[in-house]
């Protein structure tokens, strides 16, 4: 039987990077932390797209420097490196471990496709109770989502069939759009509470990871039912041919 895979975006989907970043940057920006974070989010995709390829530690530092300049905050060298130096502070969402455990018990392999460096993810991995079966980092593919590189590398390495692959992410831009472009079934985990009125190509919309095991099971039931229908049709055609 072919392996069935669930892949995840990590930061924002499995880890609460917004509250983590806010806690780290609050000591720098105080009451202006929200403004600094918004400026950071605006700058990060631009820095990731620059060439030559920057490591994610460089992305974190450069994006923060540019964001601070935009909002008029002066950074020391130590403060500019505060995000990668305190990466271990990013917390796992409370609903994640139980969902991962249930998916493993149901026989799924679990992977992570992340815009991160190998050593930064190694820190993150220690926050989880069990290791993932396959991790694809930006450092490994020398590219950042929403490029298709993570997804293509994962498909080539795992040899997964599209019918056996579900991807889970909180970002349309970074995850849902590129996964759907390749025909991967997608679950949008709406961590930001944007609601079902938000336009997305995802097959399912969820608000908590607690719902994930049941949602994935529904995907598989649909696949089984479609397979059964195809088998009945083939059987019916053979019977007609023999009559």
C-alpha atoms as a PDB file:
ATOM      1  CA  UNK A   1       0.000   0.000   0.000  1.00  0.00           C
ATOM      2  CA  UNK A   2       1.333   3.438  -0.979  1.00  0.00           C
ATOM      3  CA  UNK A   3       2.250   5.817   1.830  1.00  0.00           C
ATOM      4  CA  UNK A   4      -0.302   8.488   2.620  1.00  0.00           C
ATOM      5  CA  UNK A   5       1.174  11.882   3.421  1.00  0.00           C
ATOM      6  CA  UNK A   6       0.036  15.012   5.219  1.00  0.00           C
ATOM      7  CA  UNK A   7       2.425  17.940   4.787  1.00  0.00           C
ATOM      8  CA  UNK A   8       2.327  21.155   6.764  1.00  0.00           C
ATOM      9  CA  UNK A   9       3.538  24.668   6.617  1.00  0.00           C
ATOM     10  CA  UNK A  10       5.258  25.176   9.964  1.00  0.00           C
ATOM     11  CA  UNK A  11       5.470  28.781  11.141  1.00  0.00           C
ATOM     12  CA  UNK A  12       1.977  30.200  11.403  1.00  0.00           C
ATOM     13  CA  UNK A  13       0.314  26.803  10.962  1.00  0.00           C
ATOM     14  CA  UNK A  14       1.918  24.567  13.593  1.00  0.00           C
ATOM     15  CA  UNK A  15       3.806  27.264  15.508  1.00  0.00           C
ATOM     16  CA  UNK A  16       2.355  30.571  16.647  1.00  0.00           C
ATOM     17  CA  UNK A  17       4.973  32.787  15.092  1.00  0.00           C
ATOM     18  CA  UNK A  18       2.898  35.958  15.402  1.00  0.00           C
ATOM     19  CA  UNK A  19       2.750  35.842  19.194  1.00  0.00           C
ATOM     20  CA  UNK A  20       6.342  34.580  19.242  1.00  0.00           C
ATOM     21  CA  UNK A  21       7.608  37.459  17.112  1.00  0.00           C
ATOM     22  CA  UNK A  22       5.537  39.930  19.114  1.00  0.00           C
ATOM     23  CA  UNK A  23       7.061  38.714  22.376  1.00  0.00           C
ATOM     24  CA  UNK A  24      10.597  38.934  20.994  1.00  0.00           C
ATOM     25  CA  UNK A  25      10.169  42.377  19.453  1.00  0.00           C
ATOM     26  CA  UNK A  26       8.239  43.921  22.327  1.00  0.00           C
ATOM     27  CA  UNK A  27      11.479  44.522  24.222  1.00  0.00           C
ATOM     28  CA  UNK A  28      12.685  46.546  21.202  1.00  0.00           C
ATOM     29  CA  UNK A  29       9.589  48.431  20.091  1.00  0.00           C
ATOM     30  CA  UNK A  30       7.360  48.559  23.198  1.00  0.00           C
ATOM     31  CA  UNK A  31       4.037  50.197  22.227  1.00  0.00           C
ATOM     32  CA  UNK A  32       5.135  50.282  18.571  1.00  0.00           C
ATOM     33  CA  UNK A  33       5.590  46.517  18.320  1.00  0.00           C
ATOM     34  CA  UNK A  34       2.463  46.139  16.173  1.00  0.00           C
ATOM     35  CA  UNK A  35       3.735  48.711  13.676  1.00  0.00           C
ATOM     36  CA  UNK A  36       7.136  47.028  13.557  1.00  0.00           C
ATOM     37  CA  UNK A  37       5.569  43.609  12.921  1.00  0.00           C
ATOM     38  CA  UNK A  38       3.370  44.913  10.113  1.00  0.00           C
ATOM     39  CA  UNK A  39       6.397  46.507   8.459  1.00  0.00           C
ATOM     40  CA  UNK A  40       8.335  43.259   8.888  1.00  0.00           C
ATOM     41  CA  UNK A  41       5.596  41.243   7.159  1.00  0.00           C
ATOM     42  CA  UNK A  42       5.618  43.683   4.250  1.00  0.00           C
ATOM     43  CA  UNK A  43       9.380  43.409   3.801  1.00  0.00           C
ATOM     44  CA  UNK A  44       9.960  39.693   4.233  1.00  0.00           C
ATOM     45  CA  UNK A  45       8.641  38.450   0.824  1.00  0.00           C
ATOM     46  CA  UNK A  46      10.747  41.063  -0.980  1.00  0.00           C
ATOM     47  CA  UNK A  47      13.910  40.015   0.851  1.00  0.00           C
ATOM     48  CA  UNK A  48      13.200  36.330   0.179  1.00  0.00           C
ATOM     49  CA  UNK A  49      12.962  37.076  -3.547  1.00  0.00           C
ATOM     50  CA  UNK A  50      16.352  38.785  -3.692  1.00  0.00           C
ATOM     51  CA  UNK A  51      19.366  37.109  -5.280  1.00  0.00           C
ATOM     52  CA  UNK A  52      21.808  35.677  -4.558  1.00  0.00           C
ATOM     53  CA  UNK A  53      19.698  33.422  -2.361  1.00  0.00           C
ATOM     54  CA  UNK A  54      19.699  34.706   1.243  1.00  0.00           C
ATOM     55  CA  UNK A  55      19.588  32.310   4.181  1.00  0.00           C
ATOM     56  CA  UNK A  56      16.510  32.648   6.337  1.00  0.00           C
ATOM     57  CA  UNK A  57      18.621  34.049   9.155  1.00  0.00           C
ATOM     58  CA  UNK A  58      19.654  36.795   6.731  1.00  0.00           C
ATOM     59  CA  UNK A  59      16.009  37.281   5.711  1.00  0.00           C
ATOM     60  CA  UNK A  60      15.014  37.720   9.342  1.00  0.00           C
ATOM     61  CA  UNK A  61      17.744  40.269  10.029  1.00  0.00           C
ATOM     62  CA  UNK A  62      17.437  42.273   6.804  1.00  0.00           C
ATOM     63  CA  UNK A  63      13.631  42.378   6.973  1.00  0.00           C
ATOM     64  CA  UNK A  64      13.740  43.566  10.575  1.00  0.00           C
ATOM     65  CA  UNK A  65      16.313  46.250   9.784  1.00  0.00           C
ATOM     66  CA  UNK A  66      14.203  47.584   6.916  1.00  0.00           C
ATOM     67  CA  UNK A  67      11.016  47.430   8.986  1.00  0.00           C
ATOM     68  CA  UNK A  68      12.651  49.313  11.849  1.00  0.00           C
ATOM     69  CA  UNK A  69      13.888  51.972   9.429  1.00  0.00           C
ATOM     70  CA  UNK A  70      10.355  52.379   8.049  1.00  0.00           C
ATOM     71  CA  UNK A  71       8.799  52.973  11.452  1.00  0.00           C
ATOM     72  CA  UNK A  72      11.696  55.053  12.790  1.00  0.00           C
ATOM     73  CA  UNK A  73      13.225  52.653  15.305  1.00  0.00           C
ATOM     74  CA  UNK A  74      16.996  52.414  15.661  1.00  0.00           C
ATOM     75  CA  UNK A  75      18.381  48.922  16.231  1.00  0.00           C
ATOM     76  CA  UNK A  76      21.609  47.780  17.796  1.00  0.00           C
ATOM     77  CA  UNK A  77      23.469  44.923  16.118  1.00  0.00           C
ATOM     78  CA  UNK A  78      22.191  42.548  18.804  1.00  0.00           C
ATOM     79  CA  UNK A  79      18.607  43.717  18.361  1.00  0.00           C
ATOM     80  CA  UNK A  80      18.818  43.280  14.581  1.00  0.00           C
ATOM     81  CA  UNK A  81      19.635  39.608  15.164  1.00  0.00           C
ATOM     82  CA  UNK A  82      16.980  39.110  17.841  1.00  0.00           C
ATOM     83  CA  UNK A  83      14.642  36.954  15.744  1.00  0.00           C
ATOM     84  CA  UNK A  84      17.100  34.176  14.782  1.00  0.00           C
ATOM     85  CA  UNK A  85      18.857  34.360  18.159  1.00  0.00           C
ATOM     86  CA  UNK A  86      15.563  33.784  20.003  1.00  0.00           C
ATOM     87  CA  UNK A  87      13.981  31.396  17.519  1.00  0.00           C
ATOM     88  CA  UNK A  88      13.490  28.793  20.256  1.00  0.00           C
ATOM     89  CA  UNK A  89      10.829  31.039  21.808  1.00  0.00           C
ATOM     90  CA  UNK A  90       8.244  30.412  19.092  1.00  0.00           C
ATOM     91  CA  UNK A  91       5.475  28.310  20.695  1.00  0.00           C
ATOM     92  CA  UNK A  92       3.639  25.328  19.233  1.00  0.00           C
ATOM     93  CA  UNK A  93      -0.111  25.940  19.036  1.00  0.00           C
ATOM     94  CA  UNK A  94      -1.961  24.121  21.814  1.00  0.00           C
ATOM     95  CA  UNK A  95      -4.136  22.127  19.395  1.00  0.00           C
ATOM     96  CA  UNK A  96      -1.271  20.702  17.324  1.00  0.00           C
ATOM     97  CA  UNK A  97       0.201  17.740  19.201  1.00  0.00           C
ATOM     98  CA  UNK A  98      -3.074  15.877  19.635  1.00  0.00           C
ATOM     99  CA  UNK A  99      -3.895  16.312  15.956  1.00  0.00           C
ATOM    100  CA  UNK A 100      -0.455  15.067  14.875  1.00  0.00           C
ATOM    101  CA  UNK A 101      -0.752  12.075  17.205  1.00  0.00           C
ATOM    102  CA  UNK A 102      -4.153  11.123  15.790  1.00  0.00           C
ATOM    103  CA  UNK A 103      -2.911  11.429  12.215  1.00  0.00           C
ATOM    104  CA  UNK A 104       0.076   9.202  12.983  1.00  0.00           C
ATOM    105  CA  UNK A 105      -2.205   6.652  14.647  1.00  0.00           C
ATOM    106  CA  UNK A 106      -4.351   6.638  11.498  1.00  0.00           C
ATOM    107  CA  UNK A 107      -1.289   5.633   9.475  1.00  0.00           C
ATOM    108  CA  UNK A 108      -0.285   8.890   7.846  1.00  0.00           C
ATOM    109  CA  UNK A 109       3.272  10.045   7.315  1.00  0.00           C
ATOM    110  CA  UNK A 110       3.818  13.664   8.290  1.00  0.00           C
ATOM    111  CA  UNK A 111       6.041  16.180   6.534  1.00  0.00           C
ATOM    112  CA  UNK A 112       6.933  19.855   6.819  1.00  0.00           C
ATOM    113  CA  UNK A 113       7.582  22.302   3.965  1.00  0.00           C
ATOM    114  CA  UNK A 114       9.087  25.398   5.525  1.00  0.00           C
ATOM    115  CA  UNK A 115      10.697  28.707   4.590  1.00  0.00           C
ATOM    116  CA  UNK A 116      13.466  28.175   7.110  1.00  0.00           C
ATOM    117  CA  UNK A 117      17.107  27.183   7.557  1.00  0.00           C
ATOM    118  CA  UNK A 118      18.088  23.668   8.580  1.00  0.00           C
ATOM    119  CA  UNK A 119      19.526  24.725  11.940  1.00  0.00           C
ATOM    120  CA  UNK A 120      16.562  26.933  12.817  1.00  0.00           C
ATOM    121  CA  UNK A 121      14.151  24.097  12.119  1.00  0.00           C
ATOM    122  CA  UNK A 122      16.318  21.773  14.216  1.00  0.00           C
ATOM    123  CA  UNK A 123      15.563  24.094  17.138  1.00  0.00           C
ATOM    124  CA  UNK A 124      11.861  23.970  16.297  1.00  0.00           C
ATOM    125  CA  UNK A 125      11.848  20.185  16.000  1.00  0.00           C
ATOM    126  CA  UNK A 126      12.797  19.946  19.667  1.00  0.00           C
ATOM    127  CA  UNK A 127       9.500  21.632  20.528  1.00  0.00           C
ATOM    128  CA  UNK A 128       7.555  18.667  19.123  1.00  0.00           C
ATOM    129  CA  UNK A 129       7.053  15.329  20.840  1.00  0.00           C
ATOM    130  CA  UNK A 130       8.036  13.289  17.750  1.00  0.00           C
ATOM    131  CA  UNK A 131      10.144  14.001  14.657  1.00  0.00           C
ATOM    132  CA  UNK A 132       8.531  14.482  11.270  1.00  0.00           C
ATOM    133  CA  UNK A 133       9.031  11.875   8.553  1.00  0.00           C
ATOM    134  CA  UNK A 134      10.352  14.368   6.019  1.00  0.00           C
ATOM    135  CA  UNK A 135      11.279  18.050   6.303  1.00  0.00           C
ATOM    136  CA  UNK A 136      11.946  20.290   3.300  1.00  0.00           C
ATOM    137  CA  UNK A 137      13.549  23.625   4.173  1.00  0.00           C
ATOM    138  CA  UNK A 138      14.243  26.685   2.077  1.00  0.00           C
ATOM    139  CA  UNK A 139      17.945  26.079   2.641  1.00  0.00           C
ATOM    140  CA  UNK A 140      17.668  22.633   1.097  1.00  0.00           C
ATOM    141  CA  UNK A 141      15.850  23.739  -2.072  1.00  0.00           C
ATOM    142  CA  UNK A 142      17.535  27.187  -2.228  1.00  0.00           C
ATOM    143  CA  UNK A 143      14.175  28.844  -2.688  1.00  0.00           C
ATOM    144  CA  UNK A 144      11.211  30.237  -0.762  1.00  0.00           C
ATOM    145  CA  UNK A 145       7.519  29.513  -1.005  1.00  0.00           C
ATOM    146  CA  UNK A 146       5.351  30.443  -2.881  1.00  0.00           C
ATOM    147  CA  UNK A 147       7.822  29.016  -5.376  1.00  0.00           C
ATOM    148  CA  UNK A 148       6.940  25.424  -6.246  1.00  0.00           C
ATOM    149  CA  UNK A 149      10.403  24.157  -5.279  1.00  0.00           C
ATOM    150  CA  UNK A 150       9.421  22.798  -1.845  1.00  0.00           C
ATOM    151  CA  UNK A 151       6.459  20.912  -3.270  1.00  0.00           C
ATOM    152  CA  UNK A 152       8.343  19.469  -6.224  1.00  0.00           C
ATOM    153  CA  UNK A 153      11.256  18.390  -4.038  1.00  0.00           C
ATOM    154  CA  UNK A 154       8.878  16.719  -1.608  1.00  0.00           C
ATOM    155  CA  UNK A 155       7.042  14.897  -4.404  1.00  0.00           C
ATOM    156  CA  UNK A 156      10.297  13.646  -5.943  1.00  0.00           C
ATOM    157  CA  UNK A 157      11.764  12.565  -2.601  1.00  0.00           C
ATOM    158  CA  UNK A 158       8.683  10.889  -1.133  1.00  0.00           C
ATOM    159  CA  UNK A 159       7.372   9.571  -4.483  1.00  0.00           C
ATOM    160  CA  UNK A 160       3.891  10.351  -3.205  1.00  0.00           C
ATOM    161  CA  UNK A 161       0.893  10.080  -5.497  1.00  0.00           C
ATOM    162  CA  UNK A 162      -1.348  13.151  -5.642  1.00  0.00           C
ATOM    163  CA  UNK A 163      -4.267  11.046  -4.429  1.00  0.00           C
ATOM    164  CA  UNK A 164      -2.286  10.246  -1.259  1.00  0.00           C
ATOM    165  CA  UNK A 165      -1.177  13.789  -0.433  1.00  0.00           C
ATOM    166  CA  UNK A 166      -2.904  16.543   1.553  1.00  0.00           C
ATOM    167  CA  UNK A 167      -1.187  19.842   2.354  1.00  0.00           C
ATOM    168  CA  UNK A 168      -2.172  22.027   5.309  1.00  0.00           C
ATOM    169  CA  UNK A 169      -1.305  25.714   5.571  1.00  0.00           C
ATOM    170  CA  UNK A 170      -2.500  29.021   6.971  1.00  0.00           C
ATOM    171  CA  UNK A 171      -1.303  31.213   4.094  1.00  0.00           C
ATOM    172  CA  UNK A 172      -2.921  31.374   0.669  1.00  0.00           C
ATOM    173  CA  UNK A 173       0.125  33.176  -0.687  1.00  0.00           C
ATOM    174  CA  UNK A 174       2.824  30.836   0.624  1.00  0.00           C
ATOM    175  CA  UNK A 175       1.049  27.460   0.638  1.00  0.00           C
ATOM    176  CA  UNK A 176      -2.484  27.091  -0.669  1.00  0.00           C
ATOM    177  CA  UNK A 177      -1.929  28.738  -4.064  1.00  0.00           C
ATOM    178  CA  UNK A 178       1.271  26.850  -5.023  1.00  0.00           C
ATOM    179  CA  UNK A 179      -0.028  23.511  -3.724  1.00  0.00           C
ATOM    180  CA  UNK A 180      -3.275  23.883  -5.654  1.00  0.00           C
ATOM    181  CA  UNK A 181      -1.305  24.817  -8.767  1.00  0.00           C
ATOM    182  CA  UNK A 182       0.271  21.360  -8.625  1.00  0.00           C
ATOM    183  CA  UNK A 183      -3.058  19.636  -7.989  1.00  0.00           C
ATOM    184  CA  UNK A 184      -2.402  18.874  -4.310  1.00  0.00           C
ATOM    185  CA  UNK A 185      -5.468  18.698  -2.070  1.00  0.00           C
ATOM    186  CA  UNK A 186      -5.293  21.581   0.409  1.00  0.00           C
ATOM    187  CA  UNK A 187      -6.714  22.376   3.815  1.00  0.00           C
ATOM    188  CA  UNK A 188      -6.681  26.019   4.857  1.00  0.00           C
ATOM    189  CA  UNK A 189      -6.098  26.269   8.613  1.00  0.00           C
ATOM    190  CA  UNK A 190      -7.422  29.758   9.265  1.00  0.00           C
ATOM    191  CA  UNK A 191      -5.199  30.804  12.165  1.00  0.00           C
ATOM    192  CA  UNK A 192      -5.845  34.495  11.534  1.00  0.00           C
ATOM    193  CA  UNK A 193      -9.642  34.183  11.658  1.00  0.00           C
ATOM    194  CA  UNK A 194     -10.211  35.606   8.201  1.00  0.00           C
ATOM    195  CA  UNK A 195     -13.384  33.569   7.710  1.00  0.00           C
ATOM    196  CA  UNK A 196     -14.975  31.609   4.883  1.00  0.00           C
ATOM    197  CA  UNK A 197     -15.706  34.790   2.938  1.00  0.00           C
ATOM    198  CA  UNK A 198     -11.967  35.010   2.196  1.00  0.00           C
ATOM    199  CA  UNK A 199     -11.242  33.795  -1.332  1.00  0.00           C
ATOM    200  CA  UNK A 200      -9.162  30.625  -1.330  1.00  0.00           C
ATOM    201  CA  UNK A 201      -8.608  27.619  -3.593  1.00  0.00           C
ATOM    202  CA  UNK A 202      -8.364  25.282  -0.617  1.00  0.00           C
ATOM    203  CA  UNK A 203     -10.637  22.243  -0.584  1.00  0.00           C
ATOM    204  CA  UNK A 204     -11.505  22.674   3.094  1.00  0.00           C
ATOM    205  CA  UNK A 205     -11.541  25.539   5.609  1.00  0.00           C
ATOM    206  CA  UNK A 206     -10.773  24.824   9.265  1.00  0.00           C
ATOM    207  CA  UNK A 207     -10.293  27.075  12.279  1.00  0.00           C
ATOM    208  CA  UNK A 208      -8.428  24.649  14.566  1.00  0.00           C
ATOM    209  CA  UNK A 209      -6.058  21.730  14.141  1.00  0.00           C
ATOM    210  CA  UNK A 210      -8.426  19.707  16.335  1.00  0.00           C
ATOM    211  CA  UNK A 211     -10.598  19.320  13.240  1.00  0.00           C
ATOM    212  CA  UNK A 212      -7.758  18.012  11.069  1.00  0.00           C
ATOM    213  CA  UNK A 213      -8.004  14.224  11.637  1.00  0.00           C
ATOM    214  CA  UNK A 214     -11.716  14.160  10.777  1.00  0.00           C
ATOM    215  CA  UNK A 215     -11.172  16.452   7.786  1.00  0.00           C
ATOM    216  CA  UNK A 216      -8.414  14.249   6.377  1.00  0.00           C
ATOM    217  CA  UNK A 217     -10.593  11.191   6.916  1.00  0.00           C
ATOM    218  CA  UNK A 218     -13.328  12.813   4.821  1.00  0.00           C
ATOM    219  CA  UNK A 219     -10.828  13.316   1.997  1.00  0.00           C
ATOM    220  CA  UNK A 220      -9.939   9.624   2.111  1.00  0.00           C
ATOM    221  CA  UNK A 221     -13.562   8.513   2.211  1.00  0.00           C
ATOM    222  CA  UNK A 222     -14.251  10.534  -0.924  1.00  0.00           C
ATOM    223  CA  UNK A 223     -11.296   8.846  -2.621  1.00  0.00           C
ATOM    224  CA  UNK A 224     -12.490   5.372  -1.563  1.00  0.00           C
ATOM    225  CA  UNK A 225     -16.040   6.078  -2.723  1.00  0.00           C
ATOM    226  CA  UNK A 226     -14.827   7.339  -6.107  1.00  0.00           C
ATOM    227  CA  UNK A 227     -12.635   4.259  -6.485  1.00  0.00           C
ATOM    228  CA  UNK A 228     -15.561   2.003  -5.674  1.00  0.00           C
ATOM    229  CA  UNK A 229     -17.688   3.753  -8.285  1.00  0.00           C
ATOM    230  CA  UNK A 230     -14.972   3.311 -10.920  1.00  0.00           C
ATOM    231  CA  UNK A 231     -14.650  -0.379 -10.057  1.00  0.00           C
ATOM    232  CA  UNK A 232     -18.420  -0.895 -10.332  1.00  0.00           C
ATOM    233  CA  UNK A 233     -18.445   0.838 -13.703  1.00  0.00           C
ATOM    234  CA  UNK A 234     -15.619  -1.372 -15.001  1.00  0.00           C
ATOM    235  CA  UNK A 235     -17.404  -4.467 -13.701  1.00  0.00           C
ATOM    236  CA  UNK A 236     -20.656  -3.388 -15.390  1.00  0.00           C
ATOM    237  CA  UNK A 237     -18.865  -2.756 -18.707  1.00  0.00           C
ATOM    238  CA  UNK A 238     -17.216  -6.207 -18.573  1.00  0.00           C
ATOM    239  CA  UNK A 239     -20.565  -7.864 -17.903  1.00  0.00           C
ATOM    240  CA  UNK A 240     -22.158  -6.087 -20.849  1.00  0.00           C
ATOM    241  CA  UNK A 241     -19.244  -7.096 -23.056  1.00  0.00           C
ATOM    242  CA  UNK A 242     -19.665 -10.764 -22.112  1.00  0.00           C
ATOM    243  CA  UNK A 243     -23.416 -10.825 -22.705  1.00  0.00           C
END
